[in-house]
Amino acid sequence: MKTLVLILSLIFFFRCGSNESKKNVDEIDSLSKRTTYKKENFNVFLSDFSKDSSFQLSRVAFPFNDCYVEPTGDSLCETIDKSKWIHFELIEEGEVKTVDNIKTGSDSNERIFSIEGIENGTGSYYYFKRDKGKWYLKRRLSYE
């Protein structure tokens, strides 16, 4: 009987301790979710992204998914790693482009930047996402 009481006491003791640990973990998790980050302005980011190759390299989500849709509708996708990245200029200095929010009318954490050819049927879409207040290029889709 003493052994049974001892076993039940130990189970009770460890269960109470694990609930306290879980409570502490839940409190820490809740605090981390409440952390707010200063939201980077997309237009300022886009300007820096275009003109500064080091900045651009630090703000591309690697491995990067680069897709091309052929006129037949077939698509080819290539995964580019950081060592093979080539800097490119999205906008010229002082140039203003229209950038669409994915969620219209809100300050969403996603943007699509598009470059479309006039009368030639070509274009590219650049998909950006804000993470912890900073913008990153996630993927590119080009078509002909």
C-alpha atoms as a PDB file:
ATOM      1  CA  MET A   1       0.000   0.000   0.000  1.00  0.00           C
ATOM      2  CA  LYS A   2       2.862   2.394   0.854  1.00  0.00           C
ATOM      3  CA  THR A   3       4.368   1.682  -2.559  1.00  0.00           C
ATOM      4  CA  LEU A   4       1.096   2.589  -4.274  1.00  0.00           C
ATOM      5  CA  VAL A   5       0.814   5.854  -2.316  1.00  0.00           C
ATOM      6  CA  LEU A   6       4.444   6.670  -3.158  1.00  0.00           C
ATOM      7  CA  ILE A   7       3.894   6.004  -6.879  1.00  0.00           C
ATOM      8  CA  LEU A   8       0.711   8.087  -6.951  1.00  0.00           C
ATOM      9  CA  SER A   9       2.472  10.910  -5.070  1.00  0.00           C
ATOM     10  CA  LEU A  10       5.355  10.892  -7.580  1.00  0.00           C
ATOM     11  CA  ILE A  11       2.950  10.942 -10.537  1.00  0.00           C
ATOM     12  CA  PHE A  12       1.054  13.838  -8.976  1.00  0.00           C
ATOM     13  CA  PHE A  13       4.309  15.707  -8.252  1.00  0.00           C
ATOM     14  CA  PHE A  14       5.635  15.336 -11.808  1.00  0.00           C
ATOM     15  CA  ARG A  15       2.285  16.221 -13.383  1.00  0.00           C
ATOM     16  CA  CYS A  16       2.097  19.467 -11.377  1.00  0.00           C
ATOM     17  CA  GLY A  17       5.663  20.320 -12.357  1.00  0.00           C
ATOM     18  CA  SER A  18       5.007  19.682 -16.053  1.00  0.00           C
ATOM     19  CA  ASN A  19       1.922  21.911 -15.984  1.00  0.00           C
ATOM     20  CA  GLU A  20       4.022  24.728 -14.511  1.00  0.00           C
ATOM     21  CA  SER A  21       6.651  24.233 -17.216  1.00  0.00           C
ATOM     22  CA  LYS A  22       3.989  24.246 -19.904  1.00  0.00           C
ATOM     23  CA  LYS A  23       2.556  27.443 -18.439  1.00  0.00           C
ATOM     24  CA  ASN A  24       6.005  29.103 -18.566  1.00  0.00           C
ATOM     25  CA  VAL A  25       6.545  27.960 -22.169  1.00  0.00           C
ATOM     26  CA  ASP A  26       3.091  29.270 -23.125  1.00  0.00           C
ATOM     27  CA  GLU A  27       3.874  32.658 -21.511  1.00  0.00           C
ATOM     28  CA  ILE A  28       7.182  32.937 -23.402  1.00  0.00           C
ATOM     29  CA  ASP A  29       5.476  31.925 -26.658  1.00  0.00           C
ATOM     30  CA  SER A  30       2.761  34.521 -26.090  1.00  0.00           C
ATOM     31  CA  LEU A  31       5.361  37.240 -25.461  1.00  0.00           C
ATOM     32  CA  SER A  32       7.264  36.386 -28.632  1.00  0.00           C
ATOM     33  CA  LYS A  33       4.055  36.590 -30.668  1.00  0.00           C
ATOM     34  CA  ARG A  34       3.391  40.067 -29.271  1.00  0.00           C
ATOM     35  CA  THR A  35       6.803  41.346 -30.388  1.00  0.00           C
ATOM     36  CA  THR A  36       6.255  44.074 -32.927  1.00  0.00           C
ATOM     37  CA  TYR A  37       8.714  45.032 -35.594  1.00  0.00           C
ATOM     38  CA  LYS A  38       9.063  48.387 -37.271  1.00  0.00           C
ATOM     39  CA  LYS A  39       7.561  47.964 -40.735  1.00  0.00           C
ATOM     40  CA  GLU A  40       9.978  48.854 -43.499  1.00  0.00           C
ATOM     41  CA  ASN A  41       8.561  51.164 -46.181  1.00  0.00           C
ATOM     42  CA  PHE A  42       8.262  49.169 -49.407  1.00  0.00           C
ATOM     43  CA  ASN A  43       9.193  52.034 -51.756  1.00  0.00           C
ATOM     44  CA  VAL A  44      12.373  52.822 -49.810  1.00  0.00           C
ATOM     45  CA  PHE A  45      13.199  49.106 -49.717  1.00  0.00           C
ATOM     46  CA  LEU A  46      12.628  48.773 -53.482  1.00  0.00           C
ATOM     47  CA  SER A  47      14.977  51.653 -54.226  1.00  0.00           C
ATOM     48  CA  ASP A  48      17.733  50.172 -52.025  1.00  0.00           C
ATOM     49  CA  PHE A  49      17.073  46.709 -53.437  1.00  0.00           C
ATOM     50  CA  SER A  50      17.564  47.990 -56.990  1.00  0.00           C
ATOM     51  CA  LYS A  51      20.728  50.024 -56.532  1.00  0.00           C
ATOM     52  CA  ASP A  52      22.706  48.133 -53.864  1.00  0.00           C
ATOM     53  CA  SER A  53      23.927  44.647 -54.847  1.00  0.00           C
ATOM     54  CA  SER A  54      24.905  43.666 -51.268  1.00  0.00           C
ATOM     55  CA  PHE A  55      21.552  44.783 -49.933  1.00  0.00           C
ATOM     56  CA  GLN A  56      19.771  42.886 -52.698  1.00  0.00           C
ATOM     57  CA  LEU A  57      21.701  39.713 -51.947  1.00  0.00           C
ATOM     58  CA  SER A  58      20.718  39.960 -48.271  1.00  0.00           C
ATOM     59  CA  ARG A  59      17.021  40.407 -49.144  1.00  0.00           C
ATOM     60  CA  VAL A  60      16.399  37.499 -51.494  1.00  0.00           C
ATOM     61  CA  ALA A  61      14.894  34.367 -49.954  1.00  0.00           C
ATOM     62  CA  PHE A  62      17.224  31.542 -50.985  1.00  0.00           C
ATOM     63  CA  PRO A  63      16.882  29.078 -52.532  1.00  0.00           C
ATOM     64  CA  PHE A  64      15.096  31.382 -54.975  1.00  0.00           C
ATOM     65  CA  ASN A  65      12.377  30.084 -57.297  1.00  0.00           C
ATOM     66  CA  ASP A  66      12.629  31.639 -60.783  1.00  0.00           C
ATOM     67  CA  CYS A  67       9.939  30.527 -63.238  1.00  0.00           C
ATOM     68  CA  TYR A  68       9.383  31.239 -66.913  1.00  0.00           C
ATOM     69  CA  VAL A  69       6.124  30.556 -68.745  1.00  0.00           C
ATOM     70  CA  GLU A  70       6.570  29.862 -72.453  1.00  0.00           C
ATOM     71  CA  PRO A  71       4.063  31.012 -75.112  1.00  0.00           C
ATOM     72  CA  THR A  72       2.819  27.406 -75.292  1.00  0.00           C
ATOM     73  CA  GLY A  73       1.828  27.585 -71.631  1.00  0.00           C
ATOM     74  CA  ASP A  74       4.599  25.266 -70.477  1.00  0.00           C
ATOM     75  CA  SER A  75       6.610  26.497 -67.535  1.00  0.00           C
ATOM     76  CA  LEU A  76      10.227  26.060 -66.609  1.00  0.00           C
ATOM     77  CA  CYS A  77      11.359  26.696 -63.063  1.00  0.00           C
ATOM     78  CA  GLU A  78      14.897  27.032 -61.824  1.00  0.00           C
ATOM     79  CA  THR A  79      16.104  27.125 -58.255  1.00  0.00           C
ATOM     80  CA  ILE A  80      18.877  29.675 -57.783  1.00  0.00           C
ATOM     81  CA  ASP A  81      21.151  29.566 -54.763  1.00  0.00           C
ATOM     82  CA  LYS A  82      22.958  32.523 -53.233  1.00  0.00           C
ATOM     83  CA  SER A  83      26.288  31.817 -54.950  1.00  0.00           C
ATOM     84  CA  LYS A  84      24.706  32.095 -58.423  1.00  0.00           C
ATOM     85  CA  TRP A  85      22.674  35.235 -57.810  1.00  0.00           C
ATOM     86  CA  ILE A  86      23.218  38.091 -60.283  1.00  0.00           C
ATOM     87  CA  HIS A  87      22.266  41.609 -59.201  1.00  0.00           C
ATOM     88  CA  PHE A  88      19.595  43.289 -61.330  1.00  0.00           C
ATOM     89  CA  GLU A  89      18.006  46.720 -61.256  1.00  0.00           C
ATOM     90  CA  LEU A  90      14.222  46.724 -60.895  1.00  0.00           C
ATOM     91  CA  ILE A  91      13.792  50.479 -61.009  1.00  0.00           C
ATOM     92  CA  GLU A  92      16.041  53.297 -62.105  1.00  0.00           C
ATOM     93  CA  GLU A  93      16.879  55.894 -59.482  1.00  0.00           C
ATOM     94  CA  GLY A  94      14.021  58.344 -59.042  1.00  0.00           C
ATOM     95  CA  GLU A  95      11.618  56.200 -61.060  1.00  0.00           C
ATOM     96  CA  VAL A  96       8.209  55.584 -59.511  1.00  0.00           C
ATOM     97  CA  LYS A  97       6.334  52.364 -60.204  1.00  0.00           C
ATOM     98  CA  THR A  98       2.908  51.198 -59.145  1.00  0.00           C
ATOM     99  CA  VAL A  99       3.012  48.362 -56.677  1.00  0.00           C
ATOM    100  CA  ASP A 100      -0.090  46.318 -55.924  1.00  0.00           C
ATOM    101  CA  ASN A 101      -0.978  45.076 -52.477  1.00  0.00           C
ATOM    102  CA  ILE A 102      -2.210  41.537 -52.477  1.00  0.00           C
ATOM    103  CA  LYS A 103      -4.861  42.592 -49.998  1.00  0.00           C
ATOM    104  CA  THR A 104      -6.241  45.740 -51.606  1.00  0.00           C
ATOM    105  CA  GLY A 105      -6.591  48.761 -49.375  1.00  0.00           C
ATOM    106  CA  SER A 106      -4.513  47.385 -46.529  1.00  0.00           C
ATOM    107  CA  ASP A 107      -0.934  47.516 -45.441  1.00  0.00           C
ATOM    108  CA  SER A 108      -0.425  43.839 -46.158  1.00  0.00           C
ATOM    109  CA  ASN A 109       2.847  41.985 -45.783  1.00  0.00           C
ATOM    110  CA  GLU A 110       2.868  40.931 -49.428  1.00  0.00           C
ATOM    111  CA  ARG A 111       3.485  42.870 -52.622  1.00  0.00           C
ATOM    112  CA  ILE A 112       3.627  42.004 -56.302  1.00  0.00           C
ATOM    113  CA  PHE A 113       5.833  44.210 -58.435  1.00  0.00           C
ATOM    114  CA  SER A 114       5.196  43.818 -62.150  1.00  0.00           C
ATOM    115  CA  ILE A 115       6.984  44.905 -65.281  1.00  0.00           C
ATOM    116  CA  GLU A 116       4.884  44.467 -68.405  1.00  0.00           C
ATOM    117  CA  GLY A 117       5.983  45.084 -71.965  1.00  0.00           C
ATOM    118  CA  ILE A 118       3.835  47.310 -74.092  1.00  0.00           C
ATOM    119  CA  GLU A 119       2.632  45.588 -77.272  1.00  0.00           C
ATOM    120  CA  ASN A 120       5.184  42.776 -77.003  1.00  0.00           C
ATOM    121  CA  GLY A 121       3.391  40.443 -74.590  1.00  0.00           C
ATOM    122  CA  THR A 122       6.323  39.989 -72.220  1.00  0.00           C
ATOM    123  CA  GLY A 123       6.489  40.661 -68.527  1.00  0.00           C
ATOM    124  CA  SER A 124       7.718  39.672 -65.108  1.00  0.00           C
ATOM    125  CA  TYR A 125       6.112  39.471 -61.687  1.00  0.00           C
ATOM    126  CA  TYR A 126       8.224  39.806 -58.555  1.00  0.00           C
ATOM    127  CA  TYR A 127       6.676  38.486 -55.341  1.00  0.00           C
ATOM    128  CA  PHE A 128       7.793  40.154 -52.114  1.00  0.00           C
ATOM    129  CA  LYS A 129       6.895  39.299 -48.549  1.00  0.00           C
ATOM    130  CA  ARG A 130       7.551  41.207 -45.330  1.00  0.00           C
ATOM    131  CA  ASP A 131       8.968  39.113 -42.499  1.00  0.00           C
ATOM    132  CA  LYS A 132       9.681  40.611 -39.071  1.00  0.00           C
ATOM    133  CA  GLY A 133       9.287  44.068 -40.581  1.00  0.00           C
ATOM    134  CA  LYS A 134      11.715  43.542 -43.491  1.00  0.00           C
ATOM    135  CA  TRP A 135      10.909  42.922 -47.158  1.00  0.00           C
ATOM    136  CA  TYR A 136      12.278  39.900 -49.058  1.00  0.00           C
ATOM    137  CA  LEU A 137      12.002  38.819 -52.677  1.00  0.00           C
ATOM    138  CA  LYS A 138      10.426  35.351 -52.617  1.00  0.00           C
ATOM    139  CA  ARG A 139      10.045  34.414 -56.306  1.00  0.00           C
ATOM    140  CA  ARG A 140       9.891  35.676 -59.877  1.00  0.00           C
ATOM    141  CA  LEU A 141       7.581  34.681 -62.711  1.00  0.00           C
ATOM    142  CA  SER A 142       8.377  35.792 -66.269  1.00  0.00           C
ATOM    143  CA  TYR A 143       6.308  35.190 -69.377  1.00  0.00           C
ATOM    144  CA  GLU A 144       6.390  35.770 -73.088  1.00  0.00           C
END
